[in-house]
């Protein structure tokens, strides 16, 4: 399965990216190289390999959740350029093309 330039253009359009013809061609070639490599990896047997999430053996390093005092809505919105009903109000940025 090869990725065509048209598919790259479609994804770029959905992501609202403006790609040049050279970039479209380059991305298409690079993505196809990745797919070829993935196909090569599929030839290896992994039945006896234990699933891992990290090869370093690290564990969760997050601190435990603790309830702490936080900002009031008024404090949080204090420097907001525009607020409405205890929410930040921002300009619409998504436009249909």
Protein backbone atom coordinates (compact mmCIF):
# COMPACT_ATOMS: atom_id res chain seq x y z
CA UNK A 1 0.00 0.00 0.00
CA UNK A 2 1.58 3.24 -1.15
CA UNK A 3 0.71 6.75 -0.01
CA UNK A 4 -0.05 8.98 -2.96
CA UNK A 5 0.60 12.69 -3.33
CA UNK A 6 -3.17 13.17 -3.35
CA UNK A 7 -3.43 11.56 0.09
CA UNK A 8 -0.66 13.79 1.43
CA UNK A 9 -2.46 16.83 0.00
CA UNK A 10 -5.74 15.72 1.62
CA UNK A 11 -4.14 15.29 5.05
CA UNK A 12 -2.35 18.64 4.66
CA UNK A 13 -5.65 20.32 3.79
CA UNK A 14 -7.38 18.72 6.81
CA UNK A 15 -4.50 19.89 9.03
CA UNK A 16 -4.68 23.31 7.38
CA UNK A 17 -1.08 23.11 6.19
CA UNK A 18 0.10 24.79 3.03
CA UNK A 19 2.61 22.46 1.36
CA UNK A 20 4.60 23.19 -1.75
CA UNK A 21 4.75 20.66 -4.57
CA UNK A 22 8.28 19.71 -3.47
CA UNK A 23 7.14 19.16 0.14
CA UNK A 24 4.18 17.07 -1.00
CA UNK A 25 6.47 14.87 -3.09
CA UNK A 26 9.04 14.59 -0.29
CA UNK A 27 6.44 13.69 2.35
CA UNK A 28 4.90 11.10 0.06
CA UNK A 29 8.29 9.46 -0.50
CA UNK A 30 9.21 9.59 3.21
CA UNK A 31 5.90 8.09 4.31
CA UNK A 32 6.26 5.31 1.75
CA UNK A 33 9.77 4.56 3.09
CA UNK A 34 8.27 4.28 6.59
CA UNK A 35 5.64 1.83 5.30
CA UNK A 36 8.32 -0.30 3.63
CA UNK A 37 10.24 -0.41 6.92
CA UNK A 38 7.09 -1.38 8.85
CA UNK A 39 6.51 -4.23 6.39
CA UNK A 40 10.09 -5.36 7.02
CA UNK A 41 9.49 -5.30 10.78
CA UNK A 42 6.38 -7.46 10.34
CA UNK A 43 8.59 -10.30 9.09
CA UNK A 44 10.13 -10.76 12.56
CA UNK A 45 8.48 -13.09 15.04
CA UNK A 46 7.60 -11.42 18.32
CA UNK A 47 5.65 -14.28 19.88
CA UNK A 48 8.23 -14.88 22.62
CA UNK A 49 8.83 -11.20 23.33
CA UNK A 50 7.18 -9.86 26.47
CA UNK A 51 5.24 -6.62 25.89
CA UNK A 52 6.92 -3.55 27.35
CA UNK A 53 6.00 0.08 27.70
CA UNK A 54 9.60 1.14 28.28
CA UNK A 55 12.95 -0.55 27.84
CA UNK A 56 14.49 1.42 30.71
CA UNK A 57 12.47 -0.24 33.48
CA UNK A 58 11.22 3.08 34.83
CA UNK A 59 8.03 3.26 36.84
CA UNK A 60 5.51 6.04 37.30
CA UNK A 61 7.36 9.08 38.62
CA UNK A 62 4.30 11.28 39.15
CA UNK A 63 3.48 12.57 42.59
CA UNK A 64 0.24 11.50 44.23
CA UNK A 65 -2.74 13.80 43.69
CA UNK A 66 -3.31 16.18 46.56
CA UNK A 67 -6.13 18.66 46.92
CA UNK A 68 -4.72 22.18 47.04
CA UNK A 69 -6.17 25.66 47.01
CA UNK A 70 -6.51 27.05 43.51
CA UNK A 71 -7.50 30.31 41.87
CA UNK A 72 -11.04 31.53 42.11
CA UNK A 73 -12.82 32.10 38.79
CA UNK A 74 -12.41 35.84 39.28
CA UNK A 75 -8.65 35.49 39.82
CA UNK A 76 -8.25 33.14 36.86
CA UNK A 77 -10.13 35.52 34.56
CA UNK A 78 -8.53 38.65 36.04
CA UNK A 79 -6.09 39.22 33.16
CA UNK A 80 -8.29 37.78 30.42
CA UNK A 81 -8.91 40.21 27.57
CA UNK A 82 -12.51 38.99 27.35
CA UNK A 83 -14.61 36.78 29.63
CA UNK A 84 -18.22 35.62 29.63
CA UNK A 85 -20.10 33.55 32.23
CA UNK A 86 -16.91 32.60 34.14
CA UNK A 87 -15.24 31.42 30.90
CA UNK A 88 -12.45 32.75 28.72
CA UNK A 89 -13.90 34.16 25.52
CA UNK A 90 -11.67 33.80 22.47
CA UNK A 91 -12.14 34.67 18.81
CA UNK A 92 -13.30 31.96 16.44
CA UNK A 93 -10.32 30.63 14.48
CA UNK A 94 -11.75 27.63 12.63
CA UNK A 95 -13.10 28.50 9.22
CA UNK A 96 -14.54 26.21 6.59
CA UNK A 97 -12.68 26.35 3.31
